[in-house]
Amino acid sequence: MPSRGLAANVCGDQVRLALLEARPAGLTARQLVGATKMSLYQVRKGILYIREVSAMAHLTPLIWTPDDGYRFSSQPDDGIAYERSRMRTELTRISRLLSATVAPHAAARPEEEWVNLVLGQLNVVQSALSLLNKAGTAGS
């Protein structure tokens, strides 16, 4: 098994090639370990590289589904479904951060500049994600 010291771009290229060969099917992280002969750590490093750099460079959207694992999809509907799912997830995370942490902090210390800044910015993000979520359900 190769050392952990592989560069992110090398890991990303190996994962990308394995996913392209598997097309249109997807591969789970464990299947990518077998296909690339890299460690799980390196596969995750490669997936992160694809998300941050390679997907845009090659115009190949990377999606993940519980049934198929990771895959590149040329079907716009697949990308849209994945994007909607991620938006719902992020909306939930932001809403929980607001209700469980930021709002109580703001209520306890309403004069604090930091918490008011965070509260304002997260409320904007929450509103934007809510609009996207509503648009996503209306178009389904």
Protein backbone atom coordinates (compact mmCIF):
# COMPACT_ATOMS: atom_id res chain seq x y z
CA MET A 1 0.00 0.00 0.00
CA PRO A 2 1.41 3.42 -0.92
CA SER A 3 2.51 5.79 1.81
CA ARG A 4 0.21 8.49 3.16
CA GLY A 5 2.50 11.09 1.63
CA LEU A 6 0.88 11.16 -1.80
CA ALA A 7 0.04 14.66 -2.93
CA ALA A 8 -3.63 15.62 -3.02
CA ASN A 9 -3.58 16.04 -6.79
CA VAL A 10 -2.17 12.53 -7.24
CA CYS A 11 -4.87 11.07 -4.99
CA GLY A 12 -7.48 13.13 -6.80
CA ASP A 13 -6.31 11.96 -10.22
CA GLN A 14 -6.40 8.32 -9.14
CA VAL A 15 -9.91 8.64 -7.72
CA ARG A 16 -11.07 10.58 -10.77
CA LEU A 17 -9.75 7.91 -13.15
CA ALA A 18 -11.43 5.14 -11.14
CA LEU A 19 -14.75 7.01 -11.20
CA LEU A 20 -14.47 7.68 -14.92
CA GLU A 21 -13.81 3.98 -15.57
CA ALA A 22 -16.83 3.03 -13.47
CA ARG A 23 -19.15 5.43 -15.31
CA PRO A 24 -22.16 5.56 -15.32
CA ALA A 25 -22.07 3.54 -12.10
CA GLY A 26 -20.63 4.96 -8.93
CA LEU A 27 -18.19 3.62 -6.37
CA THR A 28 -18.30 3.68 -2.59
CA ALA A 29 -15.24 4.84 -0.69
CA ARG A 30 -14.34 1.20 0.04
CA GLN A 31 -14.69 0.30 -3.63
CA LEU A 32 -12.45 3.24 -4.51
CA VAL A 33 -9.85 1.86 -2.10
CA GLY A 34 -9.85 -1.39 -4.08
CA ALA A 35 -9.92 0.29 -7.48
CA THR A 36 -7.10 2.74 -6.75
CA LYS A 37 -4.98 0.59 -4.39
CA MET A 38 -4.79 3.60 -2.10
CA SER A 39 -5.71 3.81 1.57
CA LEU A 40 -9.09 5.09 2.72
CA TYR A 41 -7.31 8.23 3.92
CA GLN A 42 -5.86 8.78 0.43
CA VAL A 43 -9.21 8.14 -1.24
CA ARG A 44 -10.86 10.73 1.00
CA LYS A 45 -8.01 13.12 0.25
CA GLY A 46 -8.62 12.50 -3.46
CA ILE A 47 -12.37 13.09 -3.14
CA LEU A 48 -11.68 16.35 -1.35
CA TYR A 49 -9.28 17.38 -4.12
CA ILE A 50 -11.92 16.60 -6.74
CA ARG A 51 -14.49 18.67 -4.83
CA GLU A 52 -12.16 21.63 -4.41
CA VAL A 53 -10.25 21.65 -7.71
CA SER A 54 -10.69 18.88 -10.24
CA ALA A 55 -14.47 18.86 -10.74
CA MET A 56 -14.44 22.45 -11.90
CA ALA A 57 -11.24 22.05 -13.91
CA HIS A 58 -12.71 19.11 -15.85
CA LEU A 59 -16.36 20.27 -15.70
CA THR A 60 -17.36 16.92 -14.22
CA PRO A 61 -19.77 17.35 -11.29
CA LEU A 62 -19.11 14.91 -8.47
CA ILE A 63 -22.21 13.67 -6.68
CA TRP A 64 -22.80 11.14 -3.92
CA THR A 65 -25.85 9.03 -3.24
CA PRO A 66 -26.36 6.32 -0.64
CA ASP A 67 -27.22 3.79 -3.35
CA ASP A 68 -24.46 4.52 -5.86
CA GLY A 69 -21.68 6.11 -3.82
CA TYR A 70 -19.51 8.69 -5.57
CA ARG A 71 -19.91 9.25 -9.28
CA PHE A 72 -19.61 11.73 -12.07
CA SER A 73 -22.90 12.45 -13.71
CA SER A 74 -23.55 14.11 -17.02
CA GLN A 75 -27.30 14.22 -16.30
CA PRO A 76 -28.40 17.67 -15.10
CA ASP A 77 -31.24 16.14 -13.05
CA ASP A 78 -28.74 14.13 -11.00
CA GLY A 79 -26.75 17.25 -10.20
CA ILE A 80 -29.85 19.24 -9.33
CA ALA A 81 -31.16 16.49 -7.03
CA TYR A 82 -27.80 16.32 -5.26
CA GLU A 83 -27.59 20.11 -4.95
CA ARG A 84 -31.12 20.28 -3.50
CA SER A 85 -30.27 17.57 -1.01
CA ARG A 86 -27.11 19.41 0.09
CA MET A 87 -29.02 22.71 0.39
CA ARG A 88 -31.58 21.06 2.69
CA THR A 89 -28.76 19.61 4.79
CA GLU A 90 -26.98 22.95 5.09
CA LEU A 91 -30.24 24.74 5.92
CA THR A 92 -30.80 22.30 8.77
CA ARG A 93 -27.24 22.76 10.06
CA ILE A 94 -27.42 26.57 9.94
CA SER A 95 -30.88 26.58 11.57
CA ARG A 96 -29.64 24.40 14.41
CA LEU A 97 -26.53 26.52 14.91
CA LEU A 98 -28.74 29.59 15.13
CA SER A 99 -31.32 28.12 17.50
CA ALA A 100 -28.96 26.20 19.77
CA THR A 101 -25.93 28.48 19.99
CA VAL A 102 -26.11 31.90 18.38
CA ALA A 103 -29.63 32.98 19.39
CA PRO A 104 -29.17 32.12 23.10
CA HIS A 105 -25.80 33.89 23.04
CA ALA A 106 -27.39 36.96 21.42
CA ALA A 107 -30.24 36.94 23.95
CA ALA A 108 -27.82 36.73 26.87
CA ARG A 109 -25.47 39.42 25.51
CA PRO A 110 -27.44 41.65 23.11
CA GLU A 111 -24.80 44.39 23.26
CA GLU A 112 -21.96 42.16 22.05
CA GLU A 113 -20.82 43.20 18.58
CA TRP A 114 -19.51 39.75 17.57
CA VAL A 115 -22.70 37.82 18.26
CA ASN A 116 -24.81 40.44 16.49
CA LEU A 117 -22.58 40.21 13.42
CA VAL A 118 -22.79 36.39 13.43
CA LEU A 119 -26.54 36.46 14.00
CA GLY A 120 -27.09 38.86 11.13
CA GLN A 121 -24.91 36.95 8.68
CA LEU A 122 -26.33 33.54 9.55
CA ASN A 123 -29.88 34.86 9.26
CA VAL A 124 -29.06 35.98 5.72
CA VAL A 125 -27.59 32.56 4.88
CA GLN A 126 -30.61 30.83 6.42
CA SER A 127 -32.98 32.99 4.37
CA ALA A 128 -31.09 32.29 1.14
CA LEU A 129 -31.04 28.54 1.79
CA SER A 130 -34.75 28.59 2.66
CA LEU A 131 -35.52 30.30 -0.66
CA LEU A 132 -33.44 27.73 -2.54
CA ASN A 133 -35.17 24.92 -0.69
CA LYS A 134 -38.61 26.30 -1.56
CA ALA A 135 -37.59 26.78 -5.19
CA GLY A 136 -36.33 23.20 -5.24
CA THR A 137 -39.60 21.76 -4.00
CA ALA A 138 -41.69 23.89 -6.33
CA GLY A 139 -39.76 22.68 -9.36
CA SER A 140 -39.95 18.99 -8.49
